[in-house]
Amino acid sequence: MSTAHPAALAHQFESLEQQKESATLGMWLFLAQEILFFGGLFMAYLLYRWRDPQAFAAGSHELDITLGLINTVILIASSLTMALAVHSAQLSRTKALVRWLVATGVLGTAFLVIKYFEYSAKWEHHLVPGPGFHFPEAAIGGRAEIFFSLYFAMTGMHALHMVVGLGLLGWLLVPAMKGKFNAEYHNPIECFGLYWHFVDIVWIFLFPLLYLIGRHYHGAT
């Protein structure tokens, strides 16, 4: 007696449950190596900041804390819309799923637009590491270049992950609009949600490290 083969079930799996467990495990393993990757950047930042807190505090004062705060709020909101998208998929609410995915994409795009203006301001003020780097405080000079090198490395890699996330979001929107995700099969949405939340969490750590910590130190010097 044969049983119906679910359309969403890949041939190498025996059931949708097995397929879901394998995909979820794969995503968690991927996120584990991403934690190691960003962990190296965070450790480098902390070590250099420990060696020269004055230069890092001075560099932090050149960042726009208002834009950084707005972007933080935007990403927290995008985590909410992503969670609602996953919930909608679990309940087979196709229209709601599409709306929340689009909302997540709009918020992610807004984050990148603001980051573009931040980067543009750094370029105009000659704060991009390289031959043209010029820091306003002569006493600190090139020491702050290390701060901005790490700033662009860390926020740049985060922005790259955001771009990848938006690409994946667009890729998932097509089957979502066709009603491919439902209570029985929604694991791609859940796995993407894990990725999106991870990227948001990385920024939650980046914002205080780059924009907030040590500002009082610089003001007291």
N, C-alpha and C. Protein backbone atom coordinates (compact mmCIF):
# COMPACT_ATOMS: atom_id res chain seq x y z
N MET A 1 0.85 -1.19 0.00
CA MET A 1 0.00 0.00 0.00
C MET A 1 0.89 1.25 0.00
N SER A 2 0.75 2.09 -0.96
CA SER A 2 1.57 3.27 -1.08
C SER A 2 0.92 4.47 -0.42
N THR A 3 1.73 5.35 0.08
CA THR A 3 1.23 6.58 0.70
C THR A 3 1.62 7.76 -0.17
N ALA A 4 0.84 8.83 -0.09
CA ALA A 4 1.12 10.01 -0.90
C ALA A 4 2.43 10.65 -0.47
N HIS A 5 3.21 11.06 -1.44
CA HIS A 5 4.50 11.71 -1.18
C HIS A 5 4.30 13.20 -1.19
N PRO A 6 4.54 13.88 -0.04
CA PRO A 6 4.34 15.34 0.02
C PRO A 6 5.19 16.05 -1.03
N ALA A 7 4.62 17.04 -1.66
CA ALA A 7 5.32 17.75 -2.72
C ALA A 7 6.58 18.44 -2.21
N ALA A 8 6.58 18.88 -0.95
CA ALA A 8 7.71 19.60 -0.40
C ALA A 8 8.81 18.68 0.13
N LEU A 9 8.59 17.37 0.11
CA LEU A 9 9.55 16.42 0.66
C LEU A 9 10.61 16.06 -0.37
N ALA A 10 11.88 16.34 -0.05
CA ALA A 10 12.98 15.96 -0.93
C ALA A 10 13.16 14.44 -0.92
N HIS A 11 13.67 13.91 -2.02
CA HIS A 11 13.71 12.46 -2.19
C HIS A 11 14.61 11.76 -1.18
N GLN A 12 15.61 12.47 -0.62
CA GLN A 12 16.55 11.82 0.28
C GLN A 12 16.04 11.69 1.71
N PHE A 13 14.87 12.25 1.98
CA PHE A 13 14.31 12.17 3.33
C PHE A 13 13.10 11.25 3.35
N GLU A 14 12.87 10.66 4.52
CA GLU A 14 11.75 9.74 4.67
C GLU A 14 10.46 10.46 5.06
N SER A 15 10.59 11.60 5.69
CA SER A 15 9.41 12.34 6.13
C SER A 15 9.73 13.83 6.21
N LEU A 16 8.67 14.63 6.28
CA LEU A 16 8.85 16.07 6.43
C LEU A 16 9.50 16.40 7.76
N GLU A 17 9.20 15.61 8.78
CA GLU A 17 9.79 15.85 10.09
C GLU A 17 11.30 15.64 10.05
N GLN A 18 11.73 14.57 9.39
CA GLN A 18 13.16 14.31 9.25
C GLN A 18 13.83 15.42 8.44
N GLN A 19 13.16 15.86 7.39
CA GLN A 19 13.70 16.93 6.56
C GLN A 19 13.84 18.22 7.37
N LYS A 20 12.84 18.51 8.20
CA LYS A 20 12.86 19.72 9.02
C LYS A 20 14.00 19.66 10.03
N GLU A 21 14.17 18.52 10.69
CA GLU A 21 15.23 18.38 11.68
C GLU A 21 16.61 18.54 11.05
N SER A 22 16.78 17.98 9.86
CA SER A 22 18.08 18.08 9.17
C SER A 22 18.38 19.52 8.78
N ALA A 23 17.37 20.20 8.23
CA ALA A 23 17.56 21.59 7.80
C ALA A 23 17.83 22.50 8.99
N THR A 24 17.10 22.29 10.07
CA THR A 24 17.29 23.11 11.26
C THR A 24 18.67 22.89 11.87
N LEU A 25 19.11 21.63 11.92
CA LEU A 25 20.45 21.33 12.43
C LEU A 25 21.51 22.00 11.56
N GLY A 26 21.33 21.94 10.25
CA GLY A 26 22.27 22.58 9.35
C GLY A 26 22.34 24.08 9.57
N MET A 27 21.20 24.71 9.80
CA MET A 27 21.19 26.15 10.04
C MET A 27 21.90 26.50 11.35
N TRP A 28 21.66 25.70 12.40
CA TRP A 28 22.33 25.97 13.67
C TRP A 28 23.84 25.78 13.56
N LEU A 29 24.28 24.80 12.79
CA LEU A 29 25.71 24.60 12.58
C LEU A 29 26.31 25.79 11.82
N PHE A 30 25.57 26.27 10.83
CA PHE A 30 26.01 27.45 10.08
C PHE A 30 26.14 28.66 10.99
N LEU A 31 25.14 28.86 11.85
CA LEU A 31 25.17 30.00 12.76
C LEU A 31 26.30 29.86 13.78
N ALA A 32 26.64 28.62 14.15
CA ALA A 32 27.75 28.41 15.09
C ALA A 32 29.06 28.90 14.49
N GLN A 33 29.29 28.60 13.20
CA GLN A 33 30.53 29.08 12.59
C GLN A 33 30.48 30.59 12.36
N GLU A 34 29.29 31.15 12.17
CA GLU A 34 29.17 32.60 12.07
C GLU A 34 29.51 33.28 13.39
N ILE A 35 29.12 32.63 14.49
CA ILE A 35 29.46 33.16 15.82
C ILE A 35 30.98 33.17 15.99
N LEU A 36 31.64 32.12 15.54
CA LEU A 36 33.10 32.07 15.62
C LEU A 36 33.73 33.18 14.77
N PHE A 37 33.15 33.41 13.59
CA PHE A 37 33.69 34.45 12.70
C PHE A 37 33.57 35.83 13.33
N PHE A 38 32.36 36.18 13.76
CA PHE A 38 32.16 37.50 14.37
C PHE A 38 32.87 37.58 15.72
N GLY A 39 32.99 36.44 16.41
CA GLY A 39 33.69 36.43 17.68
C GLY A 39 35.13 36.86 17.54
N GLY A 40 35.77 36.46 16.43
CA GLY A 40 37.14 36.89 16.18
C GLY A 40 37.24 38.39 15.99
N LEU A 41 36.27 38.96 15.27
CA LEU A 41 36.26 40.42 15.08
C LEU A 41 36.03 41.15 16.40
N PHE A 42 35.10 40.64 17.19
CA PHE A 42 34.83 41.27 18.48
C PHE A 42 36.06 41.20 19.39
N MET A 43 36.75 40.05 19.39
CA MET A 43 37.93 39.91 20.24
C MET A 43 39.03 40.88 19.79
N ALA A 44 39.24 41.01 18.48
CA ALA A 44 40.24 41.95 17.99
C ALA A 44 39.89 43.37 18.41
N TYR A 45 38.62 43.72 18.30
CA TYR A 45 38.18 45.06 18.70
C TYR A 45 38.45 45.32 20.17
N LEU A 46 38.09 44.35 21.03
CA LEU A 46 38.25 44.52 22.47
C LEU A 46 39.72 44.62 22.86
N LEU A 47 40.56 43.85 22.23
CA LEU A 47 41.99 43.89 22.55
C LEU A 47 42.61 45.23 22.16
N TYR A 48 42.29 45.70 20.95
CA TYR A 48 42.84 46.99 20.52
C TYR A 48 42.27 48.13 21.36
N ARG A 49 41.01 48.02 21.74
CA ARG A 49 40.42 49.07 22.58
C ARG A 49 41.08 49.07 23.96
N TRP A 50 41.39 47.91 24.48
CA TRP A 50 42.05 47.81 25.78
C TRP A 50 43.44 48.46 25.72
N ARG A 51 44.12 48.33 24.58
CA ARG A 51 45.46 48.89 24.43
C ARG A 51 45.44 50.41 24.28
N ASP A 52 44.40 50.96 23.66
CA ASP A 52 44.36 52.41 23.41
C ASP A 52 42.93 52.93 23.59
N PRO A 53 42.45 52.98 24.81
CA PRO A 53 41.06 53.42 25.04
C PRO A 53 40.81 54.87 24.63
N GLN A 54 41.82 55.72 24.75
CA GLN A 54 41.64 57.14 24.39
C GLN A 54 41.35 57.30 22.91
N ALA A 55 42.13 56.62 22.06
CA ALA A 55 41.93 56.73 20.61
C ALA A 55 40.58 56.14 20.21
N PHE A 56 40.18 55.04 20.83
CA PHE A 56 38.91 54.42 20.49
C PHE A 56 37.73 55.26 20.95
N ALA A 57 37.87 55.90 22.12
CA ALA A 57 36.82 56.79 22.58
C ALA A 57 36.69 58.00 21.66
N ALA A 58 37.83 58.52 21.21
CA ALA A 58 37.80 59.66 20.29
C ALA A 58 37.17 59.25 18.96
N GLY A 59 37.50 58.06 18.48
CA GLY A 59 36.90 57.58 17.24
C GLY A 59 35.41 57.38 17.37
N SER A 60 34.99 56.89 18.53
CA SER A 60 33.56 56.68 18.78
C SER A 60 32.78 57.98 18.72
N HIS A 61 33.41 59.08 19.14
CA HIS A 61 32.74 60.38 19.11
C HIS A 61 32.50 60.88 17.69
N GLU A 62 33.17 60.31 16.71
CA GLU A 62 32.96 60.71 15.32
C GLU A 62 31.81 59.94 14.67
N LEU A 63 31.23 58.99 15.39
CA LEU A 63 30.10 58.25 14.86
C LEU A 63 28.80 58.97 15.20
N ASP A 64 27.82 58.81 14.35
CA ASP A 64 26.52 59.46 14.56
C ASP A 64 25.66 58.56 15.42
N ILE A 65 25.57 58.87 16.71
CA ILE A 65 24.84 58.01 17.64
C ILE A 65 23.34 57.99 17.34
N THR A 66 22.83 59.09 16.79
CA THR A 66 21.40 59.13 16.46
C THR A 66 21.07 58.14 15.35
N LEU A 67 21.87 58.14 14.28
CA LEU A 67 21.63 57.19 13.20
C LEU A 67 21.83 55.76 13.68
N GLY A 68 22.82 55.56 14.55
CA GLY A 68 23.04 54.22 15.09
C GLY A 68 21.86 53.75 15.91
N LEU A 69 21.28 54.65 16.70
CA LEU A 69 20.12 54.30 17.51
C LEU A 69 18.90 54.00 16.64
N ILE A 70 18.71 54.82 15.61
CA ILE A 70 17.59 54.58 14.69
C ILE A 70 17.72 53.20 14.04
N ASN A 71 18.93 52.87 13.61
CA ASN A 71 19.15 51.57 12.99
C ASN A 71 18.91 50.43 13.98
N THR A 72 19.24 50.66 15.24
CA THR A 72 18.99 49.64 16.26
C THR A 72 17.50 49.40 16.40
N VAL A 73 16.73 50.47 16.46
CA VAL A 73 15.27 50.34 16.57
C VAL A 73 14.70 49.64 15.34
N ILE A 74 15.24 49.99 14.16
CA ILE A 74 14.77 49.38 12.92
C ILE A 74 14.99 47.87 12.94
N LEU A 75 16.17 47.44 13.38
CA LEU A 75 16.45 46.00 13.37
C LEU A 75 15.65 45.26 14.42
N ILE A 76 15.42 45.88 15.57
CA ILE A 76 14.56 45.25 16.58
C ILE A 76 13.15 45.08 16.02
N ALA A 77 12.67 46.11 15.31
CA ALA A 77 11.34 46.01 14.68
C ALA A 77 11.32 44.92 13.61
N SER A 78 12.42 44.77 12.87
CA SER A 78 12.46 43.75 11.82
C SER A 78 12.47 42.34 12.42
N SER A 79 13.05 42.19 13.61
CA SER A 79 12.99 40.89 14.28
C SER A 79 11.55 40.56 14.65
N LEU A 80 10.80 41.58 15.06
CA LEU A 80 9.38 41.36 15.38
C LEU A 80 8.60 40.95 14.14
N THR A 81 8.78 41.68 13.04
CA THR A 81 8.04 41.34 11.82
C THR A 81 8.45 39.96 11.30
N MET A 82 9.72 39.58 11.48
CA MET A 82 10.16 38.25 11.05
C MET A 82 9.52 37.18 11.90
N ALA A 83 9.43 37.42 13.21
CA ALA A 83 8.78 36.45 14.09
C ALA A 83 7.31 36.30 13.72
N LEU A 84 6.66 37.39 13.36
CA LEU A 84 5.25 37.34 12.95
C LEU A 84 5.11 36.61 11.62
N ALA A 85 6.11 36.73 10.75
CA ALA A 85 6.08 35.99 9.48
C ALA A 85 6.16 34.49 9.73
N VAL A 86 7.05 34.09 10.63
CA VAL A 86 7.15 32.66 10.98
C VAL A 86 5.84 32.16 11.57
N HIS A 87 5.27 32.95 12.46
CA HIS A 87 3.99 32.57 13.08
C HIS A 87 2.89 32.43 12.04
N SER A 88 2.86 33.34 11.08
CA SER A 88 1.85 33.28 10.02
C SER A 88 2.03 32.03 9.17
N ALA A 89 3.28 31.68 8.88
CA ALA A 89 3.53 30.47 8.09
C ALA A 89 3.07 29.23 8.84
N GLN A 90 3.30 29.20 10.13
CA GLN A 90 2.89 28.05 10.95
C GLN A 90 1.38 27.88 10.97
N LEU A 91 0.66 28.99 10.77
CA LEU A 91 -0.81 28.94 10.78
C LEU A 91 -1.41 28.93 9.38
N SER A 92 -0.56 28.78 8.36
CA SER A 92 -1.01 28.73 6.95
C SER A 92 -1.70 30.03 6.52
N ARG A 93 -1.28 31.14 7.08
CA ARG A 93 -1.85 32.44 6.70
C ARG A 93 -0.95 33.07 5.64
N THR A 94 -1.23 32.73 4.39
CA THR A 94 -0.35 33.14 3.29
C THR A 94 -0.25 34.65 3.13
N LYS A 95 -1.39 35.33 3.13
CA LYS A 95 -1.37 36.78 2.94
C LYS A 95 -0.61 37.48 4.06
N ALA A 96 -0.84 37.05 5.29
CA ALA A 96 -0.14 37.66 6.42
C ALA A 96 1.36 37.36 6.33
N LEU A 97 1.70 36.15 5.92
CA LEU A 97 3.11 35.79 5.75
C LEU A 97 3.80 36.71 4.76
N VAL A 98 3.17 36.93 3.63
CA VAL A 98 3.75 37.79 2.60
C VAL A 98 3.89 39.22 3.12
N ARG A 99 2.88 39.71 3.81
CA ARG A 99 2.94 41.08 4.34
C ARG A 99 4.09 41.25 5.33
N TRP A 100 4.25 40.28 6.23
CA TRP A 100 5.31 40.39 7.23
C TRP A 100 6.69 40.24 6.61
N LEU A 101 6.81 39.39 5.60
CA LEU A 101 8.09 39.26 4.90
C LEU A 101 8.46 40.56 4.19
N VAL A 102 7.48 41.16 3.54
CA VAL A 102 7.72 42.44 2.86
C VAL A 102 8.10 43.51 3.88
N ALA A 103 7.40 43.54 5.02
CA ALA A 103 7.72 44.52 6.06
C ALA A 103 9.15 44.32 6.56
N THR A 104 9.55 43.07 6.72
CA THR A 104 10.92 42.77 7.15
C THR A 104 11.93 43.28 6.11
N GLY A 105 11.61 43.05 4.84
CA GLY A 105 12.49 43.52 3.77
C GLY A 105 12.60 45.03 3.72
N VAL A 106 11.49 45.71 3.94
CA VAL A 106 11.50 47.19 3.93
C VAL A 106 12.37 47.71 5.07
N LEU A 107 12.23 47.11 6.25
CA LEU A 107 13.03 47.55 7.40
C LEU A 107 14.51 47.26 7.16
N GLY A 108 14.82 46.09 6.61
CA GLY A 108 16.21 45.76 6.31
C GLY A 108 16.81 46.72 5.30
N THR A 109 16.02 47.09 4.30
CA THR A 109 16.49 48.06 3.30
C THR A 109 16.72 49.42 3.92
N ALA A 110 15.82 49.83 4.82
CA ALA A 110 15.97 51.12 5.51
C ALA A 110 17.27 51.14 6.32
N PHE A 111 17.58 50.02 6.95
CA PHE A 111 18.83 49.94 7.70
C PHE A 111 20.03 50.20 6.79
N LEU A 112 20.05 49.55 5.63
CA LEU A 112 21.18 49.70 4.71
C LEU A 112 21.27 51.11 4.14
N VAL A 113 20.13 51.74 3.90
CA VAL A 113 20.13 53.11 3.39
C VAL A 113 20.76 54.05 4.41
N ILE A 114 20.38 53.88 5.68
CA ILE A 114 20.96 54.72 6.73
C ILE A 114 22.45 54.46 6.87
N LYS A 115 22.84 53.19 6.76
CA LYS A 115 24.25 52.85 6.84
C LYS A 115 25.03 53.47 5.68
N TYR A 116 24.40 53.56 4.51
CA TYR A 116 25.03 54.21 3.36
C TYR A 116 25.33 55.68 3.67
N PHE A 117 24.37 56.37 4.28
CA PHE A 117 24.59 57.78 4.63
C PHE A 117 25.68 57.91 5.68
N GLU A 118 25.74 56.97 6.61
CA GLU A 118 26.82 56.99 7.60
C GLU A 118 28.18 56.83 6.94
N TYR A 119 28.27 55.85 6.05
CA TYR A 119 29.54 55.63 5.35
C TYR A 119 29.92 56.84 4.50
N SER A 120 28.93 57.45 3.85
CA SER A 120 29.20 58.63 3.02
C SER A 120 29.77 59.77 3.86
N ALA A 121 29.23 59.94 5.07
CA ALA A 121 29.72 61.01 5.95
C ALA A 121 31.17 60.74 6.35
N LYS A 122 31.49 59.48 6.60
CA LYS A 122 32.88 59.15 6.96
C LYS A 122 33.82 59.44 5.79
N TRP A 123 33.35 59.16 4.59
CA TRP A 123 34.17 59.43 3.39
C TRP A 123 34.40 60.93 3.23
N GLU A 124 33.34 61.71 3.41
CA GLU A 124 33.46 63.16 3.25
C GLU A 124 34.38 63.78 4.30
N HIS A 125 34.43 63.19 5.49
CA HIS A 125 35.26 63.73 6.56
C HIS A 125 36.62 63.05 6.64
N HIS A 126 36.97 62.30 5.60
CA HIS A 126 38.29 61.66 5.49
C HIS A 126 38.58 60.72 6.66
N LEU A 127 37.56 59.96 7.05
CA LEU A 127 37.71 59.02 8.15
C LEU A 127 37.73 57.56 7.67
N VAL A 128 37.92 57.38 6.37
CA VAL A 128 38.05 56.03 5.81
C VAL A 128 39.53 55.66 5.84
N PRO A 129 39.90 54.55 6.48
CA PRO A 129 41.31 54.17 6.58
C PRO A 129 41.98 54.09 5.21
N GLY A 130 43.19 54.61 5.13
CA GLY A 130 43.92 54.61 3.88
C GLY A 130 44.77 55.87 3.77
N PRO A 131 45.32 56.13 2.58
CA PRO A 131 46.20 57.30 2.39
C PRO A 131 45.51 58.62 2.70
N GLY A 132 44.21 58.71 2.48
CA GLY A 132 43.50 59.97 2.70
C GLY A 132 42.95 60.13 4.10
N PHE A 133 43.26 59.21 5.01
CA PHE A 133 42.70 59.29 6.36
C PHE A 133 43.23 60.52 7.10
N HIS A 134 42.31 61.25 7.72
CA HIS A 134 42.70 62.45 8.48
C HIS A 134 41.77 62.58 9.67
N PHE A 135 42.36 62.49 10.87
CA PHE A 135 41.56 62.60 12.10
C PHE A 135 41.65 64.02 12.63
N PRO A 136 40.53 64.59 13.10
CA PRO A 136 40.53 65.99 13.53
C PRO A 136 41.49 66.29 14.68
N GLU A 137 41.68 65.33 15.59
CA GLU A 137 42.55 65.57 16.73
C GLU A 137 43.97 65.13 16.39
N ALA A 138 44.85 66.07 16.23
CA ALA A 138 46.22 65.78 15.81
C ALA A 138 46.96 64.91 16.83
N ALA A 139 46.64 65.10 18.11
CA ALA A 139 47.34 64.34 19.15
C ALA A 139 47.07 62.84 19.04
N ILE A 140 45.91 62.49 18.51
CA ILE A 140 45.55 61.08 18.36
C ILE A 140 45.94 60.58 16.98
N GLY A 141 45.66 61.39 15.97
CA GLY A 141 46.09 61.10 14.61
C GLY A 141 45.77 59.70 14.13
N GLY A 142 46.82 59.01 13.65
CA GLY A 142 46.64 57.70 13.04
C GLY A 142 46.21 56.61 13.99
N ARG A 143 46.33 56.85 15.31
CA ARG A 143 45.89 55.83 16.26
C ARG A 143 44.41 55.54 16.11
N ALA A 144 43.64 56.55 15.76
CA ALA A 144 42.20 56.35 15.57
C ALA A 144 41.90 55.57 14.29
N GLU A 145 42.88 55.47 13.40
CA GLU A 145 42.67 54.73 12.16
C GLU A 145 42.40 53.25 12.43
N ILE A 146 42.99 52.74 13.51
CA ILE A 146 42.73 51.34 13.88
C ILE A 146 41.25 51.18 14.25
N PHE A 147 40.72 52.16 14.98
CA PHE A 147 39.30 52.11 15.35
C PHE A 147 38.42 52.07 14.11
N PHE A 148 38.70 52.94 13.15
CA PHE A 148 37.87 53.00 11.96
C PHE A 148 38.08 51.79 11.05
N SER A 149 39.27 51.21 11.09
CA SER A 149 39.49 49.97 10.33
C SER A 149 38.58 48.86 10.87
N LEU A 150 38.51 48.75 12.19
CA LEU A 150 37.64 47.74 12.80
C LEU A 150 36.17 48.11 12.63
N TYR A 151 35.88 49.41 12.69
CA TYR A 151 34.49 49.86 12.49
C TYR A 151 33.97 49.43 11.12
N PHE A 152 34.76 49.70 10.08
CA PHE A 152 34.32 49.35 8.72
C PHE A 152 34.33 47.83 8.51
N ALA A 153 35.29 47.14 9.12
CA ALA A 153 35.34 45.69 8.98
C ALA A 153 34.10 45.04 9.61
N MET A 154 33.77 45.46 10.82
CA MET A 154 32.68 44.85 11.56
C MET A 154 31.31 45.24 11.01
N THR A 155 31.10 46.54 10.81
CA THR A 155 29.81 46.97 10.28
C THR A 155 29.67 46.59 8.80
N GLY A 156 30.80 46.54 8.08
CA GLY A 156 30.74 46.13 6.68
C GLY A 156 30.34 44.68 6.53
N MET A 157 30.91 43.79 7.36
CA MET A 157 30.53 42.38 7.32
C MET A 157 29.08 42.20 7.75
N HIS A 158 28.67 42.99 8.73
CA HIS A 158 27.27 42.92 9.15
C HIS A 158 26.35 43.37 8.01
N ALA A 159 26.72 44.45 7.34
CA ALA A 159 25.91 44.93 6.22
C ALA A 159 25.86 43.91 5.09
N LEU A 160 26.98 43.22 4.86
CA LEU A 160 27.00 42.17 3.84
C LEU A 160 26.03 41.05 4.19
N HIS A 161 25.97 40.70 5.47
CA HIS A 161 25.01 39.68 5.90
C HIS A 161 23.58 40.18 5.72
N MET A 162 23.37 41.48 5.89
CA MET A 162 22.04 42.04 5.66
C MET A 162 21.67 41.94 4.18
N VAL A 163 22.62 42.23 3.30
CA VAL A 163 22.37 42.15 1.86
C VAL A 163 22.04 40.70 1.48
N VAL A 164 22.80 39.75 2.00
CA VAL A 164 22.50 38.34 1.74
C VAL A 164 21.11 37.99 2.27
N GLY A 165 20.78 38.49 3.46
CA GLY A 165 19.47 38.24 4.03
C GLY A 165 18.34 38.77 3.17
N LEU A 166 18.53 39.97 2.63
CA LEU A 166 17.50 40.54 1.75
C LEU A 166 17.36 39.73 0.46
N GLY A 167 18.49 39.22 -0.04
CA GLY A 167 18.43 38.36 -1.22
C GLY A 167 17.65 37.09 -0.95
N LEU A 168 17.92 36.46 0.19
CA LEU A 168 17.19 35.25 0.58
C LEU A 168 15.71 35.56 0.79
N LEU A 169 15.45 36.73 1.36
CA LEU A 169 14.07 37.14 1.59
C LEU A 169 13.30 37.24 0.28
N GLY A 170 13.93 37.86 -0.72
CA GLY A 170 13.29 37.96 -2.03
C GLY A 170 13.07 36.59 -2.66
N TRP A 171 14.03 35.69 -2.44
CA TRP A 171 13.92 34.34 -2.97
C TRP A 171 12.77 33.58 -2.31
N LEU A 172 12.54 33.80 -1.01
CA LEU A 172 11.45 33.12 -0.29
C LEU A 172 10.09 33.75 -0.60
N LEU A 173 10.09 35.01 -1.00
CA LEU A 173 8.81 35.68 -1.26
C LEU A 173 8.04 35.03 -2.40
N VAL A 174 8.77 34.55 -3.41
CA VAL A 174 8.10 33.97 -4.58
C VAL A 174 7.27 32.75 -4.20
N PRO A 175 7.86 31.73 -3.55
CA PRO A 175 7.02 30.59 -3.15
C PRO A 175 6.00 30.96 -2.09
N ALA A 176 6.32 31.96 -1.25
CA ALA A 176 5.35 32.39 -0.23
C ALA A 176 4.10 32.96 -0.88
N MET A 177 4.28 33.74 -1.93
CA MET A 177 3.12 34.31 -2.65
C MET A 177 2.31 33.25 -3.36
N LYS A 178 2.97 32.12 -3.68
CA LYS A 178 2.26 31.02 -4.33
C LYS A 178 1.63 30.07 -3.34
N GLY A 179 1.74 30.37 -2.06
CA GLY A 179 1.11 29.55 -1.03
C GLY A 179 1.84 28.24 -0.75
N LYS A 180 3.16 28.22 -1.00
CA LYS A 180 3.92 26.98 -0.80
C LYS A 180 4.19 26.67 0.67
N PHE A 181 4.10 27.68 1.52
CA PHE A 181 4.39 27.47 2.94
C PHE A 181 3.09 27.41 3.73
N ASN A 182 2.97 26.43 4.59
CA ASN A 182 1.76 26.23 5.37
C ASN A 182 2.11 25.54 6.68
N ALA A 183 1.07 25.15 7.42
CA ALA A 183 1.30 24.52 8.72
C ALA A 183 2.10 23.23 8.60
N GLU A 184 1.97 22.54 7.47
CA GLU A 184 2.70 21.28 7.28
C GLU A 184 4.14 21.51 6.87
N TYR A 185 4.39 22.53 6.06
CA TYR A 185 5.73 22.79 5.53
C TYR A 185 6.04 24.28 5.59
N HIS A 186 6.88 24.66 6.53
CA HIS A 186 7.27 26.06 6.66
C HIS A 186 8.71 26.20 7.16
N ASN A 187 9.47 25.11 7.12
CA ASN A 187 10.82 25.13 7.66
C ASN A 187 11.75 26.17 7.01
N PRO A 188 11.67 26.40 5.68
CA PRO A 188 12.53 27.45 5.11
C PRO A 188 12.32 28.82 5.75
N ILE A 189 11.08 29.13 6.10
CA ILE A 189 10.79 30.41 6.75
C ILE A 189 11.40 30.43 8.15
N GLU A 190 11.28 29.31 8.87
CA GLU A 190 11.84 29.24 10.22
C GLU A 190 13.37 29.36 10.19
N CYS A 191 13.99 28.65 9.26
CA CYS A 191 15.46 28.70 9.16
C CYS A 191 15.94 30.10 8.79
N PHE A 192 15.23 30.73 7.85
CA PHE A 192 15.60 32.09 7.50
C PHE A 192 15.39 33.03 8.68
N GLY A 193 14.34 32.78 9.47
CA GLY A 193 14.10 33.59 10.65
C GLY A 193 15.26 33.51 11.64
N LEU A 194 15.83 32.31 11.80
CA LEU A 194 16.99 32.14 12.67
C LEU A 194 18.16 32.99 12.17
N TYR A 195 18.38 32.96 10.87
CA TYR A 195 19.46 33.75 10.28
C TYR A 195 19.23 35.24 10.52
N TRP A 196 18.02 35.69 10.27
CA TRP A 196 17.71 37.12 10.40
C TRP A 196 17.87 37.58 11.85
N HIS A 197 17.40 36.76 12.80
CA HIS A 197 17.54 37.13 14.21
C HIS A 197 19.01 37.17 14.61
N PHE A 198 19.81 36.26 14.06
CA PHE A 198 21.23 36.27 14.37
C PHE A 198 21.88 37.57 13.91
N VAL A 199 21.57 37.97 12.69
CA VAL A 199 22.15 39.22 12.17
C VAL A 199 21.72 40.41 13.02
N ASP A 200 20.48 40.40 13.46
CA ASP A 200 20.00 41.48 14.33
C ASP A 200 20.74 41.48 15.66
N ILE A 201 20.98 40.30 16.23
CA ILE A 201 21.67 40.20 17.52
C ILE A 201 23.10 40.72 17.40
N VAL A 202 23.75 40.42 16.27
CA VAL A 202 25.11 40.93 16.07
C VAL A 202 25.13 42.45 16.17
N TRP A 203 24.14 43.10 15.55
CA TRP A 203 24.09 44.56 15.62
C TRP A 203 23.82 45.04 17.04
N ILE A 204 23.05 44.31 17.82
CA ILE A 204 22.77 44.69 19.20
C ILE A 204 24.06 44.77 20.00
N PHE A 205 25.05 43.95 19.64
CA PHE A 205 26.36 44.02 20.29
C PHE A 205 27.24 45.10 19.65
N LEU A 206 27.13 45.27 18.33
CA LEU A 206 27.96 46.27 17.64
C LEU A 206 27.63 47.68 18.10
N PHE A 207 26.35 47.98 18.25
CA PHE A 207 25.95 49.35 18.56
C PHE A 207 26.58 49.88 19.85
N PRO A 208 26.45 49.19 20.99
CA PRO A 208 27.09 49.74 22.19
C PRO A 208 28.61 49.73 22.13
N LEU A 209 29.20 48.70 21.52
CA LEU A 209 30.66 48.63 21.45
C LEU A 209 31.25 49.78 20.64
N LEU A 210 30.64 50.07 19.50
CA LEU A 210 31.19 51.08 18.61
C LEU A 210 30.72 52.49 18.93
N TYR A 211 29.45 52.63 19.33
CA TYR A 211 28.86 53.96 19.46
C TYR A 211 28.81 54.50 20.89
N LEU A 212 28.74 53.60 21.88
CA LEU A 212 28.44 54.06 23.24
C LEU A 212 29.59 53.94 24.23
N ILE A 213 30.23 52.78 24.28
CA ILE A 213 31.23 52.52 25.31
C ILE A 213 32.45 53.45 25.16
N GLY A 214 32.79 54.10 26.24
CA GLY A 214 34.00 54.92 26.25
C GLY A 214 33.79 56.38 25.89
N ARG A 215 32.59 56.77 25.52
CA ARG A 215 32.37 58.17 25.13
C ARG A 215 32.62 59.10 26.31
N HIS A 216 32.23 58.67 27.51
CA HIS A 216 32.46 59.48 28.71
C HIS A 216 33.96 59.62 28.98
N TYR A 217 34.71 58.57 28.63
CA TYR A 217 36.17 58.59 28.84
C TYR A 217 36.80 59.70 28.03
N HIS A 218 36.37 59.80 26.77
CA HIS A 218 36.94 60.83 25.88
C HIS A 218 36.55 62.22 26.37
N GLY A 219 35.31 62.35 26.85
CA GLY A 219 34.87 63.65 27.30
C GLY A 219 35.61 64.14 28.53
N ALA A 220 36.16 63.18 29.30
CA ALA A 220 36.84 63.56 30.53
C ALA A 220 38.29 63.88 30.32
N THR A 221 38.82 63.57 29.07
CA THR A 221 40.24 63.80 28.83
C THR A 221 40.48 65.21 28.32
